[in-house]
Amino acid sequence: NAALQALLDPETKGDHTLTVSAGNTKD
């Protein structure tokens, strides 16, 4: 149950998500 709740929590994967916003340069 603890593992399931962790997988349902967006914060658990937050550090492993790359967000590229429109207008971002390659730098």
PDB file of all heavy atoms in Angstrom:
ATOM      1  N   ASN A   1       0.826  -1.207   0.000  1.00  0.00           N
ATOM      2  CA  ASN A   1       0.000   0.000   0.000  1.00  0.00           C
ATOM      3  C   ASN A   1       0.861   1.257   0.000  1.00  0.00           C
ATOM      4  O   ASN A   1       0.539   2.245  -0.674  1.00  0.00           O
ATOM      5  CB  ASN A   1      -0.936   0.016   1.208  1.00  0.00           C
ATOM      6  CG  ASN A   1      -2.182  -0.829   0.967  1.00  0.00           C
ATOM      7  OD1 ASN A   1      -2.722  -0.826  -0.133  1.00  0.00           O
ATOM      8  ND2 ASN A   1      -2.625  -1.549   1.975  1.00  0.00           N
ATOM      9  N   ALA A   2       1.966   1.234   0.757  1.00  0.00           N
ATOM     10  CA  ALA A   2       2.851   2.396   0.792  1.00  0.00           C
ATOM     11  C   ALA A   2       3.484   2.627  -0.575  1.00  0.00           C
ATOM     12  O   ALA A   2       3.608   3.768  -1.037  1.00  0.00           O
ATOM     13  CB  ALA A   2       3.931   2.199   1.852  1.00  0.00           C
ATOM     14  N   ALA A   3       3.883   1.548  -1.239  1.00  0.00           N
ATOM     15  CA  ALA A   3       4.472   1.666  -2.571  1.00  0.00           C
ATOM     16  C   ALA A   3       3.457   2.220  -3.563  1.00  0.00           C
ATOM     17  O   ALA A   3       3.779   3.066  -4.406  1.00  0.00           O
ATOM     18  CB  ALA A   3       4.988   0.313  -3.042  1.00  0.00           C
ATOM     19  N   LEU A   4       2.220   1.757  -3.465  1.00  0.00           N
ATOM     20  CA  LEU A   4       1.165   2.237  -4.358  1.00  0.00           C
ATOM     21  C   LEU A   4       0.936   3.728  -4.165  1.00  0.00           C
ATOM     22  O   LEU A   4       0.842   4.488  -5.136  1.00  0.00           O
ATOM     23  CB  LEU A   4      -0.124   1.457  -4.106  1.00  0.00           C
ATOM     24  CG  LEU A   4      -1.353   1.918  -4.897  1.00  0.00           C
ATOM     25  CD1 LEU A   4      -1.107   1.766  -6.399  1.00  0.00           C
ATOM     26  CD2 LEU A   4      -2.587   1.125  -4.478  1.00  0.00           C
ATOM     27  N   GLN A   5       0.835   4.163  -2.915  1.00  0.00           N
ATOM     28  CA  GLN A   5       0.608   5.580  -2.642  1.00  0.00           C
ATOM     29  C   GLN A   5       1.755   6.428  -3.162  1.00  0.00           C
ATOM     30  O   GLN A   5       1.553   7.544  -3.675  1.00  0.00           O
ATOM     31  CB  GLN A   5       0.428   5.797  -1.132  1.00  0.00           C
ATOM     32  CG  GLN A   5      -0.844   5.195  -0.559  1.00  0.00           C
ATOM     33  CD  GLN A   5      -2.102   5.695  -1.253  1.00  0.00           C
ATOM     34  OE1 GLN A   5      -2.215   6.872  -1.592  1.00  0.00           O
ATOM     35  NE2 GLN A   5      -3.051   4.795  -1.474  1.00  0.00           N
ATOM     36  N   ALA A   6       2.980   5.928  -3.054  1.00  0.00           N
ATOM     37  CA  ALA A   6       4.139   6.671  -3.547  1.00  0.00           C
ATOM     38  C   ALA A   6       4.081   6.829  -5.062  1.00  0.00           C
ATOM     39  O   ALA A   6       4.401   7.888  -5.607  1.00  0.00           O
ATOM     40  CB  ALA A   6       5.429   5.963  -3.133  1.00  0.00           C
ATOM     41  N   LEU A   7       3.659   5.776  -5.759  1.00  0.00           N
ATOM     42  CA  LEU A   7       3.574   5.834  -7.216  1.00  0.00           C
ATOM     43  C   LEU A   7       2.451   6.756  -7.681  1.00  0.00           C
ATOM     44  O   LEU A   7       2.483   7.261  -8.811  1.00  0.00           O
ATOM     45  CB  LEU A   7       3.367   4.430  -7.788  1.00  0.00           C
ATOM     46  CG  LEU A   7       4.560   3.484  -7.682  1.00  0.00           C
ATOM     47  CD1 LEU A   7       4.171   2.085  -8.152  1.00  0.00           C
ATOM     48  CD2 LEU A   7       5.740   3.995  -8.499  1.00  0.00           C
ATOM     49  N   LEU A   8       1.453   6.956  -6.836  1.00  0.00           N
ATOM     50  CA  LEU A   8       0.340   7.842  -7.182  1.00  0.00           C
ATOM     51  C   LEU A   8       0.633   9.291  -6.823  1.00  0.00           C
ATOM     52  O   LEU A   8      -0.154  10.186  -7.154  1.00  0.00           O
ATOM     53  CB  LEU A   8      -0.942   7.378  -6.469  1.00  0.00           C
ATOM     54  CG  LEU A   8      -1.505   6.023  -6.908  1.00  0.00           C
ATOM     55  CD1 LEU A   8      -2.680   5.623  -6.031  1.00  0.00           C
ATOM     56  CD2 LEU A   8      -1.922   6.059  -8.374  1.00  0.00           C
ATOM     57  N   ASP A   9       1.758   9.539  -6.140  1.00  0.00           N
ATOM     58  CA  ASP A   9       2.120  10.889  -5.700  1.00  0.00           C
ATOM     59  C   ASP A   9       3.057  11.525  -6.728  1.00  0.00           C
ATOM     60  O   ASP A   9       4.175  11.047  -6.932  1.00  0.00           O
ATOM     61  CB  ASP A   9       2.811  10.823  -4.339  1.00  0.00           C
ATOM     62  CG  ASP A   9       3.160  12.201  -3.802  1.00  0.00           C
ATOM     63  OD1 ASP A   9       2.853  13.201  -4.478  1.00  0.00           O
ATOM     64  OD2 ASP A   9       3.734  12.276  -2.694  1.00  0.00           O
ATOM     65  N   PRO A  10       2.628  12.627  -7.395  1.00  0.00           N
ATOM     66  CA  PRO A  10       3.478  13.264  -8.421  1.00  0.00           C
ATOM     67  C   PRO A  10       4.838  13.711  -7.886  1.00  0.00           C
ATOM     68  O   PRO A  10       5.813  13.765  -8.635  1.00  0.00           O
ATOM     69  CB  PRO A  10       2.647  14.481  -8.859  1.00  0.00           C
ATOM     70  CG  PRO A  10       1.239  14.142  -8.484  1.00  0.00           C
ATOM     71  CD  PRO A  10       1.343  13.301  -7.248  1.00  0.00           C
ATOM     72  N   GLU A  11       4.902  14.017  -6.594  1.00  0.00           N
ATOM     73  CA  GLU A  11       6.164  14.487  -6.024  1.00  0.00           C
ATOM     74  C   GLU A  11       7.245  13.415  -6.085  1.00  0.00           C
ATOM     75  O   GLU A  11       8.438  13.720  -6.104  1.00  0.00           O
ATOM     76  CB  GLU A  11       5.942  14.920  -4.571  1.00  0.00           C
ATOM     77  CG  GLU A  11       5.065  16.157  -4.420  1.00  0.00           C
ATOM     78  CD  GLU A  11       5.694  17.388  -5.068  1.00  0.00           C
ATOM     79  OE1 GLU A  11       6.925  17.518  -4.976  1.00  0.00           O
ATOM     80  OE2 GLU A  11       4.968  18.183  -5.676  1.00  0.00           O
ATOM     81  N   THR A  12       6.831  12.156  -6.099  1.00  0.00           N
ATOM     82  CA  THR A  12       7.795  11.067  -6.102  1.00  0.00           C
ATOM     83  C   THR A  12       8.646  11.069  -7.365  1.00  0.00           C
ATOM     84  O   THR A  12       9.792  10.632  -7.358  1.00  0.00           O
ATOM     85  CB  THR A  12       7.069   9.708  -5.974  1.00  0.00           C
ATOM     86  OG1 THR A  12       6.173   9.773  -4.870  1.00  0.00           O
ATOM     87  CG2 THR A  12       8.053   8.579  -5.725  1.00  0.00           C
ATOM     88  N   LYS A  13       8.079  11.551  -8.464  1.00  0.00           N
ATOM     89  CA  LYS A  13       8.822  11.553  -9.724  1.00  0.00           C
ATOM     90  C   LYS A  13       9.239  12.948 -10.148  1.00  0.00           C
ATOM     91  O   LYS A  13       9.796  13.139 -11.215  1.00  0.00           O
ATOM     92  CB  LYS A  13       8.003  10.905 -10.840  1.00  0.00           C
ATOM     93  CG  LYS A  13       6.685  11.595 -11.152  1.00  0.00           C
ATOM     94  CD  LYS A  13       5.917  10.891 -12.253  1.00  0.00           C
ATOM     95  CE  LYS A  13       6.632  10.946 -13.575  1.00  0.00           C
ATOM     96  NZ  LYS A  13       5.805  10.536 -14.707  1.00  0.00           N
ATOM     97  N   GLY A  14       8.979  13.962  -9.304  1.00  0.00           N
ATOM     98  CA  GLY A  14       9.271  15.339  -9.672  1.00  0.00           C
ATOM     99  C   GLY A  14      10.724  15.579  -9.996  1.00  0.00           C
ATOM    100  O   GLY A  14      11.058  16.324 -10.918  1.00  0.00           O
ATOM    101  N   ASP A  15      11.638  14.976  -9.261  1.00  0.00           N
ATOM    102  CA  ASP A  15      13.063  15.208  -9.472  1.00  0.00           C
ATOM    103  C   ASP A  15      13.577  14.546 -10.741  1.00  0.00           C
ATOM    104  O   ASP A  15      14.716  14.768 -11.138  1.00  0.00           O
ATOM    105  CB  ASP A  15      13.871  14.688  -8.275  1.00  0.00           C
ATOM    106  CG  ASP A  15      13.619  15.518  -7.022  1.00  0.00           C
ATOM    107  OD1 ASP A  15      13.142  16.652  -7.179  1.00  0.00           O
ATOM    108  OD2 ASP A  15      13.878  15.016  -5.925  1.00  0.00           O
ATOM    109  N   HIS A  16      12.745  13.735 -11.367  1.00  0.00           N
ATOM    110  CA  HIS A  16      13.201  12.995 -12.545  1.00  0.00           C
ATOM    111  C   HIS A  16      12.434  13.420 -13.795  1.00  0.00           C
ATOM    112  O   HIS A  16      12.347  12.671 -14.751  1.00  0.00           O
ATOM    113  CB  HIS A  16      13.035  11.494 -12.305  1.00  0.00           C
ATOM    114  CG  HIS A  16      13.944  10.969 -11.239  1.00  0.00           C
ATOM    115  ND1 HIS A  16      15.226  10.560 -11.477  1.00  0.00           N
ATOM    116  CD2 HIS A  16      13.747  10.821  -9.913  1.00  0.00           C
ATOM    117  CE1 HIS A  16      15.795  10.158 -10.352  1.00  0.00           C
ATOM    118  NE2 HIS A  16      14.909  10.309  -9.389  1.00  0.00           N
ATOM    119  N   THR A  17      11.876  14.626 -13.750  1.00  0.00           N
ATOM    120  CA  THR A  17      11.134  15.125 -14.899  1.00  0.00           C
ATOM    121  C   THR A  17      11.794  16.388 -15.433  1.00  0.00           C
ATOM    122  O   THR A  17      12.070  17.326 -14.682  1.00  0.00           O
ATOM    123  CB  THR A  17       9.675  15.437 -14.506  1.00  0.00           C
ATOM    124  OG1 THR A  17       9.053  14.237 -14.042  1.00  0.00           O
ATOM    125  CG2 THR A  17       8.899  15.958 -15.697  1.00  0.00           C
ATOM    126  N   LEU A  18      12.062  16.405 -16.716  1.00  0.00           N
ATOM    127  CA  LEU A  18      12.651  17.569 -17.375  1.00  0.00           C
ATOM    128  C   LEU A  18      11.554  18.313 -18.115  1.00  0.00           C
ATOM    129  O   LEU A  18      10.842  17.727 -18.928  1.00  0.00           O
ATOM    130  CB  LEU A  18      13.727  17.122 -18.368  1.00  0.00           C
ATOM    131  CG  LEU A  18      14.258  18.194 -19.323  1.00  0.00           C
ATOM    132  CD1 LEU A  18      15.057  19.234 -18.557  1.00  0.00           C
ATOM    133  CD2 LEU A  18      15.100  17.565 -20.424  1.00  0.00           C
ATOM    134  N   THR A  19      11.415  19.595 -17.819  1.00  0.00           N
ATOM    135  CA  THR A  19      10.413  20.411 -18.484  1.00  0.00           C
ATOM    136  C   THR A  19      11.104  21.443 -19.360  1.00  0.00           C
ATOM    137  O   THR A  19      11.911  22.244 -18.875  1.00  0.00           O
ATOM    138  CB  THR A  19       9.504  21.127 -17.471  1.00  0.00           C
ATOM    139  OG1 THR A  19       8.828  20.143 -16.679  1.00  0.00           O
ATOM    140  CG2 THR A  19       8.467  21.977 -18.188  1.00  0.00           C
ATOM    141  N   VAL A  20      10.781  21.411 -20.640  1.00  0.00           N
ATOM    142  CA  VAL A  20      11.298  22.385 -21.592  1.00  0.00           C
ATOM    143  C   VAL A  20      10.153  23.322 -21.940  1.00  0.00           C
ATOM    144  O   VAL A  20       9.126  22.900 -22.466  1.00  0.00           O
ATOM    145  CB  VAL A  20      11.829  21.696 -22.870  1.00  0.00           C
ATOM    146  CG1 VAL A  20      12.267  22.734 -23.892  1.00  0.00           C
ATOM    147  CG2 VAL A  20      12.976  20.754 -22.532  1.00  0.00           C
ATOM    148  N   SER A  21      10.320  24.598 -21.619  1.00  0.00           N
ATOM    149  CA  SER A  21       9.266  25.576 -21.881  1.00  0.00           C
ATOM    150  C   SER A  21       9.448  26.202 -23.256  1.00  0.00           C
ATOM    151  O   SER A  21      10.576  26.314 -23.776  1.00  0.00           O
ATOM    152  CB  SER A  21       9.288  26.677 -20.814  1.00  0.00           C
ATOM    153  OG  SER A  21       9.067  26.131 -19.526  1.00  0.00           O
ATOM    154  N   ALA A  22       8.332  26.616 -23.853  1.00  0.00           N
ATOM    155  CA  ALA A  22       8.388  27.277 -25.151  1.00  0.00           C
ATOM    156  C   ALA A  22       9.247  28.538 -25.038  1.00  0.00           C
ATOM    157  O   ALA A  22       9.103  29.314 -24.090  1.00  0.00           O
ATOM    158  CB  ALA A  22       6.982  27.629 -25.626  1.00  0.00           C
ATOM    159  N   GLY A  23      10.133  28.733 -25.980  1.00  0.00           N
ATOM    160  CA  GLY A  23      11.019  29.888 -25.969  1.00  0.00           C
ATOM    161  C   GLY A  23      12.368  29.618 -25.347  1.00  0.00           C
ATOM    162  O   GLY A  23      13.291  30.436 -25.482  1.00  0.00           O
ATOM    163  N   ASN A  24      12.519  28.477 -24.661  1.00  0.00           N
ATOM    164  CA  ASN A  24      13.815  28.146 -24.055  1.00  0.00           C
ATOM    165  C   ASN A  24      14.889  27.988 -25.122  1.00  0.00           C
ATOM    166  O   ASN A  24      14.646  27.418 -26.195  1.00  0.00           O
ATOM    167  CB  ASN A  24      13.732  26.851 -23.266  1.00  0.00           C
ATOM    168  CG  ASN A  24      13.072  26.996 -21.900  1.00  0.00           C
ATOM    169  OD1 ASN A  24      12.745  26.021 -21.259  1.00  0.00           O
ATOM    170  ND2 ASN A  24      12.873  28.230 -21.458  1.00  0.00           N
ATOM    171  N   THR A  25      16.083  28.478 -24.822  1.00  0.00           N
ATOM    172  CA  THR A  25      17.225  28.277 -25.715  1.00  0.00           C
ATOM    173  C   THR A  25      17.930  26.974 -25.335  1.00  0.00           C
ATOM    174  O   THR A  25      17.679  26.398 -24.280  1.00  0.00           O
ATOM    175  CB  THR A  25      18.215  29.432 -25.598  1.00  0.00           C
ATOM    176  OG1 THR A  25      18.738  29.457 -24.257  1.00  0.00           O
ATOM    177  CG2 THR A  25      17.543  30.765 -25.907  1.00  0.00           C
ATOM    178  N   LYS A  26      18.836  26.540 -26.184  1.00  0.00           N
ATOM    179  CA  LYS A  26      19.575  25.309 -25.895  1.00  0.00           C
ATOM    180  C   LYS A  26      20.426  25.452 -24.633  1.00  0.00           C
ATOM    181  O   LYS A  26      20.670  24.465 -23.920  1.00  0.00           O
ATOM    182  CB  LYS A  26      20.434  24.900 -27.088  1.00  0.00           C
ATOM    183  CG  LYS A  26      21.529  25.895 -27.450  1.00  0.00           C
ATOM    184  CD  LYS A  26      22.314  25.441 -28.679  1.00  0.00           C
ATOM    185  CE  LYS A  26      23.419  26.437 -29.038  1.00  0.00           C
ATOM    186  NZ  LYS A  26      24.159  26.020 -30.254  1.00  0.00           N
ATOM    187  N   ASP A  27      20.869  26.672 -24.325  1.00  0.00           N
ATOM    188  CA  ASP A  27      21.660  26.878 -23.110  1.00  0.00           C
ATOM    189  C   ASP A  27      20.796  26.738 -21.856  1.00  0.00           C
ATOM    190  O   ASP A  27      21.235  26.185 -20.848  1.00  0.00           O
ATOM    191  CB  ASP A  27      22.323  28.259 -23.133  1.00  0.00           C
ATOM    192  CG  ASP A  27      23.464  28.339 -24.139  1.00  0.00           C
ATOM    193  OD1 ASP A  27      23.999  27.265 -24.512  1.00  0.00           O
ATOM    194  OD2 ASP A  27      23.805  29.455 -24.563  1.00  0.00           O
TER     195      ASP A  27
END
